[in-house]
PDB file of N, CA and C in Angstrom:
ATOM      1  N   MET A   1     159.626 121.693  38.126  1.00  0.00           N
ATOM      2  CA  MET A   1     160.204 120.427  37.644  1.00  0.00           C
ATOM      3  C   MET A   1     159.073 119.476  37.184  1.00  0.00           C
ATOM      4  N   THR A   2     157.925 119.488  37.874  1.00  0.00           N
ATOM      5  CA  THR A   2     156.831 118.606  37.515  1.00  0.00           C
ATOM      6  C   THR A   2     156.255 119.024  36.170  1.00  0.00           C
ATOM      7  N   GLU A   3     156.207 120.337  35.882  1.00  0.00           N
ATOM      8  CA  GLU A   3     155.677 120.800  34.627  1.00  0.00           C
ATOM      9  C   GLU A   3     156.570 120.384  33.497  1.00  0.00           C
ATOM     10  N   LEU A   4     157.861 120.360  33.710  1.00  0.00           N
ATOM     11  CA  LEU A   4     158.821 119.902  32.666  1.00  0.00           C
ATOM     12  C   LEU A   4     158.596 118.418  32.364  1.00  0.00           C
ATOM     13  N   ILE A   5     158.349 117.624  33.403  1.00  0.00           N
ATOM     14  CA  ILE A   5     158.131 116.178  33.186  1.00  0.00           C
ATOM     15  C   ILE A   5     156.822 115.996  32.427  1.00  0.00           C
ATOM     16  N   ASN A   6     155.790 116.771  32.785  1.00  0.00           N
ATOM     17  CA  ASN A   6     154.522 116.674  32.083  1.00  0.00           C
ATOM     18  C   ASN A   6     154.651 117.051  30.621  1.00  0.00           C
ATOM     19  N   GLN A   7     155.404 118.064  30.308  1.00  0.00           N
ATOM     20  CA  GLN A   7     155.637 118.454  28.920  1.00  0.00           C
ATOM     21  C   GLN A   7     156.406 117.348  28.165  1.00  0.00           C
ATOM     22  N   PHE A   8     157.373 116.749  28.850  1.00  0.00           N
ATOM     23  CA  PHE A   8     158.146 115.659  28.217  1.00  0.00           C
ATOM     24  C   PHE A   8     157.207 114.492  27.928  1.00  0.00           C
ATOM     25  N   MET A   9     156.322 114.133  28.895  1.00  0.00           N
ATOM     26  CA  MET A   9     155.450 112.997  28.712  1.00  0.00           C
ATOM     27  C   MET A   9     154.448 113.280  27.605  1.00  0.00           C
ATOM     28  N   GLU A  10     153.949 114.506  27.489  1.00  0.00           N
ATOM     29  CA  GLU A  10     153.073 114.859  26.369  1.00  0.00           C
ATOM     30  C   GLU A  10     153.770 114.768  25.037  1.00  0.00           C
ATOM     31  N   TRP A  11     155.025 115.204  24.987  1.00  0.00           N
ATOM     32  CA  TRP A  11     155.790 115.079  23.751  1.00  0.00           C
ATOM     33  C   TRP A  11     156.018 113.624  23.402  1.00  0.00           C
ATOM     34  N   LEU A  12     156.354 112.816  24.425  1.00  0.00           N
ATOM     35  CA  LEU A  12     156.606 111.400  24.195  1.00  0.00           C
ATOM     36  C   LEU A  12     155.328 110.708  23.692  1.00  0.00           C
ATOM     37  N   TRP A  13     154.170 111.031  24.301  1.00  0.00           N
ATOM     38  CA  TRP A  13     152.893 110.442  23.863  1.00  0.00           C
ATOM     39  C   TRP A  13     152.592 110.887  22.445  1.00  0.00           C
ATOM     40  N   GLY A  14     152.873 112.132  22.088  1.00  0.00           N
ATOM     41  CA  GLY A  14     152.664 112.580  20.719  1.00  0.00           C
ATOM     42  C   GLY A  14     153.543 111.829  19.728  1.00  0.00           C
ATOM     43  N   MET A  15     154.779 111.497  20.125  1.00  0.00           N
ATOM     44  CA  MET A  15     155.643 110.731  19.252  1.00  0.00           C
ATOM     45  C   MET A  15     155.128 109.324  19.104  1.00  0.00           C
ATOM     46  N   VAL A  16     154.606 108.727  20.153  1.00  0.00           N
ATOM     47  CA  VAL A  16     154.054 107.368  20.041  1.00  0.00           C
ATOM     48  C   VAL A  16     152.842 107.381  19.134  1.00  0.00           C
ATOM     49  N   LYS A  17     151.971 108.358  19.227  1.00  0.00           N
ATOM     50  CA  LYS A  17     150.823 108.437  18.334  1.00  0.00           C
ATOM     51  C   LYS A  17     151.227 108.640  16.898  1.00  0.00           C
ATOM     52  N   ASP A  18     152.247 109.515  16.690  1.00  0.00           N
ATOM     53  CA  ASP A  18     152.726 109.705  15.304  1.00  0.00           C
ATOM     54  C   ASP A  18     153.349 108.469  14.728  1.00  0.00           C
ATOM     55  N   PHE A  19     154.039 107.705  15.574  1.00  0.00           N
ATOM     56  CA  PHE A  19     154.619 106.438  15.062  1.00  0.00           C
ATOM     57  C   PHE A  19     153.501 105.478  14.711  1.00  0.00           C
ATOM     58  N   GLY A  20     152.416 105.415  15.567  1.00  0.00           N
ATOM     59  CA  GLY A  20     151.305 104.556  15.257  1.00  0.00           C
ATOM     60  C   GLY A  20     150.651 104.932  13.932  1.00  0.00           C
ATOM     61  N   LEU A  21     150.463 106.228  13.716  1.00  0.00           N
ATOM     62  CA  LEU A  21     149.867 106.672  12.452  1.00  0.00           C
ATOM     63  C   LEU A  21     150.753 106.347  11.262  1.00  0.00           C
ATOM     64  N   TRP A  22     152.033 106.545  11.438  1.00  0.00           N
ATOM     65  CA  TRP A  22     152.987 106.193  10.360  1.00  0.00           C
ATOM     66  C   TRP A  22     152.942 104.664  10.057  1.00  0.00           C
ATOM     67  N   LEU A  23     152.919 103.877  11.096  1.00  0.00           N
ATOM     68  CA  LEU A  23     152.833 102.428  10.926  1.00  0.00           C
ATOM     69  C   LEU A  23     151.531 101.998  10.234  1.00  0.00           C
ATOM     70  N   MET A  24     150.423 102.624  10.647  1.00  0.00           N
ATOM     71  CA  MET A  24     149.125 102.336  10.047  1.00  0.00           C
ATOM     72  C   MET A  24     149.118 102.752   8.573  1.00  0.00           C
ATOM     73  N   GLY A  25     149.749 103.837   8.259  1.00  0.00           N
ATOM     74  CA  GLY A  25     149.891 104.267   6.849  1.00  0.00           C
ATOM     75  C   GLY A  25     150.643 103.256   6.004  1.00  0.00           C
ATOM     76  N   LEU A  26     151.697 102.690   6.578  1.00  0.00           N
ATOM     77  CA  LEU A  26     152.479 101.664   5.875  1.00  0.00           C
ATOM     78  C   LEU A  26     151.594 100.400   5.649  1.00  0.00           C
ATOM     79  N   VAL A  27     150.850 100.012   6.662  1.00  0.00           N
ATOM     80  CA  VAL A  27     149.974  98.829   6.541  1.00  0.00           C
ATOM     81  C   VAL A  27     148.922  99.069   5.429  1.00  0.00           C
ATOM     82  N   VAL A  28     148.307 100.217   5.454  1.00  0.00           N
ATOM     83  CA  VAL A  28     147.272 100.534   4.461  1.00  0.00           C
ATOM     84  C   VAL A  28     147.862 100.605   3.073  1.00  0.00           C
ATOM     85  N   ASP A  29     149.055 101.190   2.909  1.00  0.00           N
ATOM     86  CA  ASP A  29     149.717 101.208   1.616  1.00  0.00           C
ATOM     87  C   ASP A  29     150.042  99.810   1.120  1.00  0.00           C
ATOM     88  N   PHE A  30     150.445  98.924   2.039  1.00  0.00           N
ATOM     89  CA  PHE A  30     150.782  97.548   1.688  1.00  0.00           C
ATOM     90  C   PHE A  30     149.483  96.820   1.210  1.00  0.00           C
ATOM     91  N   ILE A  31     148.384  97.033   1.921  1.00  0.00           N
ATOM     92  CA  ILE A  31     147.106  96.373   1.542  1.00  0.00           C
ATOM     93  C   ILE A  31     146.644  96.869   0.189  1.00  0.00           C
ATOM     94  N   VAL A  32     146.774  98.184  -0.054  1.00  0.00           N
ATOM     95  CA  VAL A  32     146.385  98.753  -1.347  1.00  0.00           C
ATOM     96  C   VAL A  32     147.229  98.161  -2.444  1.00  0.00           C
ATOM     97  N   ALA A  33     148.546  98.025  -2.196  1.00  0.00           N
ATOM     98  CA  ALA A  33     149.442  97.447  -3.190  1.00  0.00           C
ATOM     99  C   ALA A  33     149.047  95.997  -3.484  1.00  0.00           C
ATOM    100  N   LEU A  34     148.702  95.247  -2.438  1.00  0.00           N
ATOM    101  CA  LEU A  34     148.244  93.858  -2.670  1.00  0.00           C
ATOM    102  C   LEU A  34     146.955  93.788  -3.469  1.00  0.00           C
ATOM    103  N   LEU A  35     146.008  94.703  -3.172  1.00  0.00           N
ATOM    104  CA  LEU A  35     144.746  94.699  -3.917  1.00  0.00           C
ATOM    105  C   LEU A  35     144.946  95.096  -5.373  1.00  0.00           C
ATOM    106  N   ASN A  36     145.925  95.934  -5.618  1.00  0.00           N
ATOM    107  CA  ASN A  36     146.187  96.315  -7.020  1.00  0.00           C
ATOM    108  C   ASN A  36     146.785  95.163  -7.814  1.00  0.00           C
ATOM    109  N   LEU A  37     147.339  94.183  -7.152  1.00  0.00           N
ATOM    110  CA  LEU A  37     147.941  93.018  -7.846  1.00  0.00           C
ATOM    111  C   LEU A  37     146.881  92.015  -8.300  1.00  0.00           C
ATOM    112  N   ILE A  38     145.676  92.089  -7.727  1.00  0.00           N
ATOM    113  CA  ILE A  38     144.608  91.154  -8.115  1.00  0.00           C
ATOM    114  C   ILE A  38     144.075  91.558  -9.448  1.00  0.00           C
ATOM    115  N   PRO A  39     144.111  90.652 -10.460  1.00  0.00           N
ATOM    116  CA  PRO A  39     143.623  91.025 -11.751  1.00  0.00           C
ATOM    117  C   PRO A  39     142.081  91.139 -11.793  1.00  0.00           C
ATOM    118  N   VAL A  40     141.592  91.973 -12.682  1.00  0.00           N
ATOM    119  CA  VAL A  40     140.136  92.119 -12.883  1.00  0.00           C
ATOM    120  C   VAL A  40     139.629  90.918 -13.700  1.00  0.00           C
ATOM    121  N   PRO A  41     138.554  90.284 -13.274  1.00  0.00           N
ATOM    122  CA  PRO A  41     138.013  89.142 -14.005  1.00  0.00           C
ATOM    123  C   PRO A  41     137.554  89.565 -15.417  1.00  0.00           C
ATOM    124  N   ASP A  42     137.645  88.631 -16.347  1.00  0.00           N
ATOM    125  CA  ASP A  42     137.293  88.941 -17.735  1.00  0.00           C
ATOM    126  C   ASP A  42     135.835  89.291 -17.946  1.00  0.00           C
ATOM    127  N   PHE A  43     134.929  88.663 -17.144  1.00  0.00           N
ATOM    128  CA  PHE A  43     133.517  88.928 -17.346  1.00  0.00           C
ATOM    129  C   PHE A  43     133.156  90.341 -16.962  1.00  0.00           C
ATOM    130  N   LEU A  44     133.932  91.016 -16.122  1.00  0.00           N
ATOM    131  CA  LEU A  44     133.613  92.402 -15.756  1.00  0.00           C
ATOM    132  C   LEU A  44     133.951  93.412 -16.881  1.00  0.00           C
ATOM    133  N   ASP A  45     134.827  92.991 -17.795  1.00  0.00           N
ATOM    134  CA  ASP A  45     135.140  93.874 -18.915  1.00  0.00           C
ATOM    135  C   ASP A  45     133.941  94.060 -19.864  1.00  0.00           C
ATOM    136  N   ASP A  46     133.132  93.003 -19.981  1.00  0.00           N
ATOM    137  CA  ASP A  46     131.993  92.998 -20.886  1.00  0.00           C
ATOM    138  C   ASP A  46     130.665  93.213 -20.130  1.00  0.00           C
ATOM    139  N   LEU A  47     130.720  93.700 -18.924  1.00  0.00           N
ATOM    140  CA  LEU A  47     129.501  93.803 -18.107  1.00  0.00           C
ATOM    141  C   LEU A  47     128.480  94.744 -18.730  1.00  0.00           C
ATOM    142  N   ALA A  48     128.912  95.884 -19.202  1.00  0.00           N
ATOM    143  CA  ALA A  48     127.984  96.858 -19.779  1.00  0.00           C
ATOM    144  C   ALA A  48     127.324  96.259 -21.030  1.00  0.00           C
ATOM    145  N   SER A  49     128.085  95.656 -21.917  1.00  0.00           N
ATOM    146  CA  SER A  49     127.500  95.118 -23.134  1.00  0.00           C
ATOM    147  C   SER A  49     126.597  93.951 -22.825  1.00  0.00           C
ATOM    148  N   ASN A  50     126.951  93.133 -21.822  1.00  0.00           N
ATOM    149  CA  ASN A  50     126.095  92.015 -21.433  1.00  0.00           C
ATOM    150  C   ASN A  50     124.779  92.487 -20.846  1.00  0.00           C
ATOM    151  N   TRP A  51     124.822  93.564 -20.062  1.00  0.00           N
ATOM    152  CA  TRP A  51     123.576  94.132 -19.535  1.00  0.00           C
ATOM    153  C   TRP A  51     122.694  94.702 -20.637  1.00  0.00           C
ATOM    154  N   GLY A  52     123.302  95.257 -21.623  1.00  0.00           N
ATOM    155  CA  GLY A  52     122.560  95.792 -22.751  1.00  0.00           C
ATOM    156  C   GLY A  52     121.974  94.720 -23.662  1.00  0.00           C
ATOM    157  N   ASN A  53     122.536  93.541 -23.630  1.00  0.00           N
ATOM    158  CA  ASN A  53     122.060  92.443 -24.467  1.00  0.00           C
ATOM    159  C   ASN A  53     120.931  91.616 -23.853  1.00  0.00           C
ATOM    160  N   LEU A  54     120.434  92.032 -22.705  1.00  0.00           N
ATOM    161  CA  LEU A  54     119.349  91.278 -22.059  1.00  0.00           C
ATOM    162  C   LEU A  54     118.107  91.429 -22.930  1.00  0.00           C
ATOM    163  N   SER A  55     117.324  90.380 -22.914  1.00  0.00           N
ATOM    164  CA  SER A  55     116.123  90.371 -23.783  1.00  0.00           C
ATOM    165  C   SER A  55     115.048  91.299 -23.141  1.00  0.00           C
ATOM    166  N   GLY A  56     114.085  91.622 -23.947  1.00  0.00           N
ATOM    167  CA  GLY A  56     112.973  92.474 -23.484  1.00  0.00           C
ATOM    168  C   GLY A  56     112.160  91.786 -22.372  1.00  0.00           C
ATOM    169  N   ALA A  57     112.075  90.494 -22.360  1.00  0.00           N
ATOM    170  CA  ALA A  57     111.308  89.800 -21.307  1.00  0.00           C
ATOM    171  C   ALA A  57     111.978  89.975 -19.947  1.00  0.00           C
ATOM    172  N   VAL A  58     113.295  89.919 -19.948  1.00  0.00           N
ATOM    173  CA  VAL A  58     114.021  90.125 -18.691  1.00  0.00           C
ATOM    174  C   VAL A  58     113.887  91.583 -18.268  1.00  0.00           C
ATOM    175  N   GLY A  59     113.980  92.482 -19.154  1.00  0.00           N
ATOM    176  CA  GLY A  59     113.845  93.900 -18.872  1.00  0.00           C
ATOM    177  C   GLY A  59     112.453  94.238 -18.352  1.00  0.00           C
ATOM    178  N   TYR A  60     111.450  93.515 -18.853  1.00  0.00           N
ATOM    179  CA  TYR A  60     110.081  93.727 -18.426  1.00  0.00           C
ATOM    180  C   TYR A  60     109.904  93.437 -16.959  1.00  0.00           C
ATOM    181  N   TRP A  61     110.592  92.380 -16.494  1.00  0.00           N
ATOM    182  CA  TRP A  61     110.495  92.011 -15.083  1.00  0.00           C
ATOM    183  C   TRP A  61     111.461  92.796 -14.187  1.00  0.00           C
ATOM    184  N   LEU A  62     112.498  93.299 -14.739  1.00  0.00           N
ATOM    185  CA  LEU A  62     113.451  94.120 -13.952  1.00  0.00           C
ATOM    186  C   LEU A  62     112.844  95.498 -13.638  1.00  0.00           C
ATOM    187  N   GLY A  63     112.027  96.015 -14.506  1.00  0.00           N
ATOM    188  CA  GLY A  63     111.437  97.329 -14.313  1.00  0.00           C
ATOM    189  C   GLY A  63     110.520  97.422 -13.116  1.00  0.00           C
ATOM    190  N   PRO A  64     109.457  96.585 -13.022  1.00  0.00           N
ATOM    191  CA  PRO A  64     108.527  96.688 -11.917  1.00  0.00           C
ATOM    192  C   PRO A  64     109.162  96.396 -10.524  1.00  0.00           C
ATOM    193  N   PHE A  65     110.184  95.536 -10.511  1.00  0.00           N
ATOM    194  CA  PHE A  65     110.809  95.211  -9.250  1.00  0.00           C
ATOM    195  C   PHE A  65     111.916  96.178  -8.862  1.00  0.00           C
ATOM    196  N   GLU A  66     112.169  97.206  -9.691  1.00  0.00           N
ATOM    197  CA  GLU A  66     113.164  98.241  -9.420  1.00  0.00           C
ATOM    198  C   GLU A  66     114.515  97.635  -9.075  1.00  0.00           C
ATOM    199  N   ILE A  67     114.971  96.689  -9.891  1.00  0.00           N
ATOM    200  CA  ILE A  67     116.247  96.022  -9.625  1.00  0.00           C
ATOM    201  C   ILE A  67     117.413  97.007  -9.699  1.00  0.00           C
ATOM    202  N   GLY A  68     117.358  97.909 -10.646  1.00  0.00           N
ATOM    203  CA  GLY A  68     118.458  98.888 -10.794  1.00  0.00           C
ATOM    204  C   GLY A  68     118.569  99.782  -9.553  1.00  0.00           C
ATOM    205  N   TYR A  69     117.430 100.243  -9.063  1.00  0.00           N
ATOM    206  CA  TYR A  69     117.410 101.070  -7.874  1.00  0.00           C
ATOM    207  C   TYR A  69     117.879 100.287  -6.650  1.00  0.00           C
ATOM    208  N   GLY A  70     117.441  99.025  -6.537  1.00  0.00           N
ATOM    209  CA  GLY A  70     117.825  98.167  -5.419  1.00  0.00           C
ATOM    210  C   GLY A  70     119.305  97.899  -5.398  1.00  0.00           C
ATOM    211  N   VAL A  71     119.870  97.647  -6.551  1.00  0.00           N
ATOM    212  CA  VAL A  71     121.325  97.418  -6.632  1.00  0.00           C
ATOM    213  C   VAL A  71     122.098  98.630  -6.207  1.00  0.00           C
ATOM    214  N   SER A  72     121.672  99.786  -6.695  1.00  0.00           N
ATOM    215  CA  SER A  72     122.376 101.052  -6.353  1.00  0.00           C
ATOM    216  C   SER A  72     122.252 101.338  -4.854  1.00  0.00           C
ATOM    217  N   VAL A  73     121.117 101.083  -4.249  1.00  0.00           N
ATOM    218  CA  VAL A  73     120.934 101.259  -2.807  1.00  0.00           C
ATOM    219  C   VAL A  73     121.830 100.306  -2.020  1.00  0.00           C
ATOM    220  N   CYS A  74     121.883  99.078  -2.442  1.00  0.00           N
ATOM    221  CA  CYS A  74     122.737  98.103  -1.713  1.00  0.00           C
ATOM    222  C   CYS A  74     124.212  98.457  -1.849  1.00  0.00           C
ATOM    223  N   LEU A  75     124.657  98.859  -3.040  1.00  0.00           N
ATOM    224  CA  LEU A  75     126.046  99.169  -3.213  1.00  0.00           C
ATOM    225  C   LEU A  75     126.422 100.453  -2.423  1.00  0.00           C
ATOM    226  N   SER A  76     125.537 101.427  -2.390  1.00  0.00           N
ATOM    227  CA  SER A  76     125.843 102.630  -1.591  1.00  0.00           C
ATOM    228  C   SER A  76     125.828 102.309  -0.102  1.00  0.00           C
ATOM    229  N   ALA A  77     124.985 101.401   0.333  1.00  0.00           N
ATOM    230  CA  ALA A  77     124.982 100.964   1.728  1.00  0.00           C
ATOM    231  C   ALA A  77     126.293 100.262   2.079  1.00  0.00           C
ATOM    232  N   TYR A  78     126.728  99.395   1.191  1.00  0.00           N
ATOM    233  CA  TYR A  78     128.025  98.746   1.427  1.00  0.00           C
ATOM    234  C   TYR A  78     129.181  99.755   1.492  1.00  0.00           C
ATOM    235  N   ALA A  79     129.137 100.737   0.610  1.00  0.00           N
ATOM    236  CA  ALA A  79     130.214 101.766   0.571  1.00  0.00           C
ATOM    237  C   ALA A  79     130.163 102.547   1.880  1.00  0.00           C
ATOM    238  N   ALA A  80     128.953 102.951   2.296  1.00  0.00           N
ATOM    239  CA  ALA A  80     128.821 103.725   3.580  1.00  0.00           C
ATOM    240  C   ALA A  80     129.314 102.872   4.727  1.00  0.00           C
ATOM    241  N   ARG A  81     128.961 101.597   4.768  1.00  0.00           N
ATOM    242  CA  ARG A  81     129.447 100.741   5.836  1.00  0.00           C
ATOM    243  C   ARG A  81     130.960 100.631   5.844  1.00  0.00           C
ATOM    244  N   PHE A  82     131.559 100.487   4.664  1.00  0.00           N
ATOM    245  CA  PHE A  82     133.003 100.404   4.548  1.00  0.00           C
ATOM    246  C   PHE A  82     133.653 101.677   5.083  1.00  0.00           C
ATOM    247  N   VAL A  83     133.116 102.833   4.736  1.00  0.00           N
ATOM    248  CA  VAL A  83     133.711 104.118   5.187  1.00  0.00           C
ATOM    249  C   VAL A  83     133.534 104.277   6.678  1.00  0.00           C
ATOM    250  N   LEU A  84     132.304 103.961   7.200  1.00  0.00           N
ATOM    251  CA  LEU A  84     132.056 104.130   8.612  1.00  0.00           C
ATOM    252  C   LEU A  84     132.871 103.161   9.477  1.00  0.00           C
ATOM    253  N   ARG A  85     133.176 102.000   8.937  1.00  0.00           N
ATOM    254  CA  ARG A  85     133.995 101.061   9.716  1.00  0.00           C
ATOM    255  C   ARG A  85     135.450 101.503   9.838  1.00  0.00           C
ATOM    256  N   ARG A  86     135.851 102.409   8.955  1.00  0.00           N
ATOM    257  CA  ARG A  86     137.238 102.913   8.990  1.00  0.00           C
ATOM    258  C   ARG A  86     137.418 104.045  10.003  1.00  0.00           C
ATOM    259  N   LEU A  87     136.303 104.664  10.484  1.00  0.00           N
ATOM    260  CA  LEU A  87     136.408 105.708  11.465  1.00  0.00           C
ATOM    261  C   LEU A  87     136.641 105.109  12.826  1.00  0.00           C
ATOM    262  N   PRO A  88     137.678 105.521  13.537  1.00  0.00           N
ATOM    263  CA  PRO A  88     138.026 104.875  14.806  1.00  0.00           C
ATOM    264  C   PRO A  88     136.935 105.045  15.900  1.00  0.00           C
ATOM    265  N   ILE A  89     136.204 106.154  15.872  1.00  0.00           N
ATOM    266  CA  ILE A  89     135.214 106.441  16.885  1.00  0.00           C
ATOM    267  C   ILE A  89     133.976 105.560  16.699  1.00  0.00           C
ATOM    268  N   ILE A  90     133.543 105.413  15.423  1.00  0.00           N
ATOM    269  CA  ILE A  90     132.284 104.716  15.131  1.00  0.00           C
ATOM    270  C   ILE A  90     132.499 103.212  14.930  1.00  0.00           C
ATOM    271  N   GLY A  91     133.535 102.861  14.093  1.00  0.00           N
ATOM    272  CA  GLY A  91     133.742 101.485  13.678  1.00  0.00           C
ATOM    273  C   GLY A  91     134.242 100.578  14.699  1.00  0.00           C
TER     274      GLY A  91
END
């Protein structure tokens, strides 16, 4: 009889966890839908052409300071932080 109750409690706990995962999926889908409603700013459409239109003097100083490398390292660090914060064990 005790084994039957233990099996029922394990099944019930599994259902509670599944419901929590389903609910979390709904919340994440809702947040993604809200983020998709935010329009992209106009200045981001011309970002590549604006970067290409920088003068040689600006490019001269961007090269020695490795601005391109620094920006890519910072963005990848932010992306890694975002992903790691989503893991329940680490974040």
